[in-house]
Amino acid sequence: MLEQLPEPLNPPADVPRASLVLAAGAVTGALANVWMGGAHSNVGRELDLANLRRAVVIDCAGDMPAIYRERAGRWFANVFLDLDSWPMHFDRLEAHVAEVAATLDHGGETLDIYAMCTHGMNRSGLAAGLLLRAFGIEGPEAVRLIRLARPGALSNDTFRGIVAGTH
């Protein structure tokens, strides 16, 4: 007879989740809420499909459910591996971040920007860090804000160095 296995302590999330890294207006030039998270994260707030039409999503892993891609106001695919090396197509990620940061005037309406990967730790941390840097936040402070929002994030030395400005 087969033994009944217990339920896992941390079951997979049903919906992507994200944590607020920087609130709109917290620094001059930051005209949007910057979030980072993961398609399969148990940490953070569930992404609200109803409000996603006013949001921008930078997808760094490619495993977000299709409904989120379809509902997002703007979707940028920047899929790369979480390896401790310079990310592939980094120039494209930088270009997308610059485009997002330059087009944030929505008639006074607060915009949400989601940097998303699988678990919301390294790839999303890199994208969120680049956004914070685009808003004029210094590298070490960007790393601090990301780790405050998601403890353990940016454990990838190369990604942390890129955000901090030491790579």
Protein backbone atom coordinates (compact mmCIF):
# COMPACT_ATOMS: atom_id res chain seq x y z
CA MET A 1 0.00 0.00 0.00
CA LEU A 2 1.33 3.45 -0.90
CA GLU A 3 1.89 5.90 1.88
CA GLN A 4 0.05 9.24 1.73
CA LEU A 5 2.66 12.03 1.49
CA PRO A 6 2.08 15.19 3.53
CA GLU A 7 1.28 18.46 1.80
CA PRO A 8 4.40 20.56 1.15
CA LEU A 9 5.13 23.26 3.72
CA ASN A 10 5.34 25.94 1.03
CA PRO A 11 3.07 24.98 -1.86
CA PRO A 12 3.74 26.71 -5.17
CA ALA A 13 2.00 30.03 -5.67
CA ASP A 14 -1.13 30.07 -7.81
CA VAL A 15 -0.40 33.54 -9.14
CA PRO A 16 2.76 35.59 -9.60
CA ARG A 17 3.73 37.72 -6.61
CA ALA A 18 5.85 40.85 -6.28
CA SER A 19 7.22 43.13 -3.56
CA LEU A 20 7.30 46.92 -3.71
CA VAL A 21 10.88 48.14 -4.04
CA LEU A 22 10.23 51.85 -4.61
CA ALA A 23 6.98 53.79 -4.30
CA ALA A 24 6.09 56.43 -6.89
CA GLY A 25 7.34 59.82 -5.79
CA ALA A 26 9.79 58.44 -3.22
CA VAL A 27 12.61 60.07 -5.18
CA THR A 28 12.57 62.80 -7.79
CA GLY A 29 12.07 61.27 -11.20
CA ALA A 30 10.48 58.05 -9.91
CA LEU A 31 7.04 58.44 -11.45
CA ALA A 32 6.02 54.82 -10.93
CA ASN A 33 5.91 52.08 -8.35
CA VAL A 34 8.76 49.65 -8.95
CA TRP A 35 8.02 46.04 -8.01
CA MET A 36 10.09 42.88 -8.25
CA GLY A 37 8.85 39.33 -7.99
CA GLY A 38 8.42 35.94 -9.51
CA ALA A 39 6.00 33.80 -11.44
CA HIS A 40 6.42 31.07 -8.82
CA SER A 41 7.11 33.11 -5.70
CA ASN A 42 5.44 32.66 -2.32
CA VAL A 43 6.59 36.13 -1.27
CA GLY A 44 4.91 39.46 -1.95
CA ARG A 45 1.56 40.67 -3.17
CA GLU A 46 -0.37 38.78 -5.83
CA LEU A 47 -0.40 40.58 -9.17
CA ASP A 48 -3.89 41.92 -9.82
CA LEU A 49 -5.06 41.09 -13.33
CA ALA A 50 -7.66 43.87 -13.24
CA ASN A 51 -4.99 46.54 -12.73
CA LEU A 52 -2.35 45.03 -14.97
CA ARG A 53 -3.54 46.99 -18.04
CA ARG A 54 -1.93 50.10 -16.53
CA ALA A 55 1.32 48.26 -15.81
CA VAL A 56 4.60 47.54 -17.53
CA VAL A 57 6.16 44.10 -17.07
CA ILE A 58 9.80 43.26 -17.69
CA ASP A 59 9.87 39.45 -17.86
CA CYS A 60 13.35 38.05 -17.23
CA ALA A 61 12.50 34.32 -17.12
CA GLY A 62 9.72 33.69 -19.64
CA ASP A 63 7.57 31.61 -17.30
CA MET A 64 4.81 34.06 -16.45
CA PRO A 65 1.33 32.65 -17.17
CA ALA A 66 0.00 33.70 -20.58
CA ILE A 67 -2.94 35.62 -19.10
CA TYR A 68 -0.50 38.07 -17.48
CA ARG A 69 1.31 38.66 -20.78
CA GLU A 70 -2.02 39.29 -22.49
CA ARG A 71 -3.31 41.68 -19.83
CA ALA A 72 -0.21 43.81 -19.29
CA GLY A 73 -0.26 47.32 -20.69
CA ARG A 74 3.27 46.75 -22.00
CA TRP A 75 5.31 43.57 -21.91
CA PHE A 76 9.07 43.37 -22.40
CA ALA A 77 10.59 39.90 -22.76
CA ASN A 78 14.21 39.85 -21.59
CA VAL A 79 14.84 36.19 -20.83
CA PHE A 80 18.29 35.30 -19.51
CA LEU A 81 19.74 32.74 -17.11
CA ASP A 82 20.52 33.33 -13.46
CA LEU A 83 24.22 32.56 -13.83
CA ASP A 84 27.03 34.34 -12.05
CA SER A 85 28.18 35.93 -15.30
CA TRP A 86 27.23 38.84 -17.49
CA PRO A 87 23.65 38.20 -18.74
CA MET A 88 23.05 37.45 -22.40
CA HIS A 89 21.45 40.30 -24.33
CA PHE A 90 22.23 42.73 -21.50
CA ASP A 91 22.16 45.60 -24.01
CA ARG A 92 18.51 44.76 -24.79
CA LEU A 93 17.62 44.75 -21.08
CA GLU A 94 19.32 48.14 -20.65
CA ALA A 95 17.46 49.51 -23.68
CA HIS A 96 14.10 48.30 -22.37
CA VAL A 97 14.76 49.77 -18.93
CA ALA A 98 15.74 53.10 -20.51
CA GLU A 99 12.59 53.06 -22.66
CA VAL A 100 10.36 52.31 -19.66
CA ALA A 101 12.02 55.01 -17.53
CA ALA A 102 11.72 57.61 -20.31
CA THR A 103 8.02 57.04 -20.99
CA LEU A 104 6.45 57.24 -17.55
CA ASP A 105 4.20 60.29 -17.99
CA HIS A 106 0.67 58.92 -17.90
CA GLY A 107 -1.26 62.12 -17.20
CA GLY A 108 -0.69 61.98 -13.46
CA GLU A 109 -1.79 58.35 -13.16
CA THR A 110 0.52 56.16 -11.07
CA LEU A 111 2.04 53.38 -13.12
CA ASP A 112 3.28 50.04 -11.82
CA ILE A 113 6.46 48.52 -13.24
CA TYR A 114 7.03 44.85 -12.49
CA ALA A 115 10.44 43.23 -12.90
CA MET A 116 9.62 39.52 -12.88
CA CYS A 117 11.54 36.25 -13.03
CA THR A 118 10.90 32.78 -11.63
CA HIS A 119 11.26 33.33 -7.88
CA GLY A 120 11.84 37.08 -7.71
CA MET A 121 15.39 37.17 -6.45
CA ASN A 122 18.24 37.69 -8.92
CA ARG A 123 17.06 38.36 -12.48
CA SER A 124 14.17 40.53 -11.30
CA GLY A 125 16.59 42.17 -8.86
CA LEU A 126 18.90 43.09 -11.72
CA ALA A 127 16.05 44.58 -13.78
CA ALA A 128 14.62 46.44 -10.76
CA GLY A 129 18.10 47.70 -9.88
CA LEU A 130 18.59 49.06 -13.39
CA LEU A 131 15.25 50.85 -13.08
CA LEU A 132 16.27 52.38 -9.75
CA ARG A 133 19.55 53.51 -11.29
CA ALA A 134 17.61 55.05 -14.21
CA PHE A 135 15.67 57.05 -11.60
CA GLY A 136 18.95 58.43 -10.23
CA ILE A 137 19.39 56.15 -7.24
CA GLU A 138 23.04 55.32 -6.57
CA GLY A 139 24.09 51.69 -6.98
CA PRO A 140 24.69 50.75 -3.32
CA GLU A 141 21.36 52.32 -2.32
CA ALA A 142 19.59 50.43 -5.12
CA VAL A 143 21.03 47.16 -3.79
CA ARG A 144 19.92 48.09 -0.26
CA LEU A 145 16.35 48.88 -1.37
CA ILE A 146 16.09 45.62 -3.31
CA ARG A 147 17.34 43.56 -0.38
CA LEU A 148 15.04 45.41 1.99
CA ALA A 149 12.04 44.52 -0.19
CA ARG A 150 13.18 40.93 -0.81
CA PRO A 151 15.71 39.66 1.73
CA GLY A 152 18.28 37.39 0.09
CA ALA A 153 17.81 39.00 -3.32
CA LEU A 154 20.80 39.76 -5.53
CA SER A 155 22.80 36.84 -4.19
CA ASN A 156 24.25 36.58 -7.71
CA ASP A 157 27.57 38.43 -7.36
CA THR A 158 27.68 39.61 -10.98
CA PHE A 159 24.12 40.95 -10.97
CA ARG A 160 24.70 42.68 -7.61
CA GLY A 161 27.90 44.21 -8.99
CA ILE A 162 26.09 45.49 -12.06
CA VAL A 163 23.44 47.17 -9.91
CA ALA A 164 26.01 48.51 -7.46
CA GLY A 165 28.11 49.88 -10.31
CA THR A 166 31.21 47.82 -9.51
CA HIS A 167 31.09 45.61 -12.67
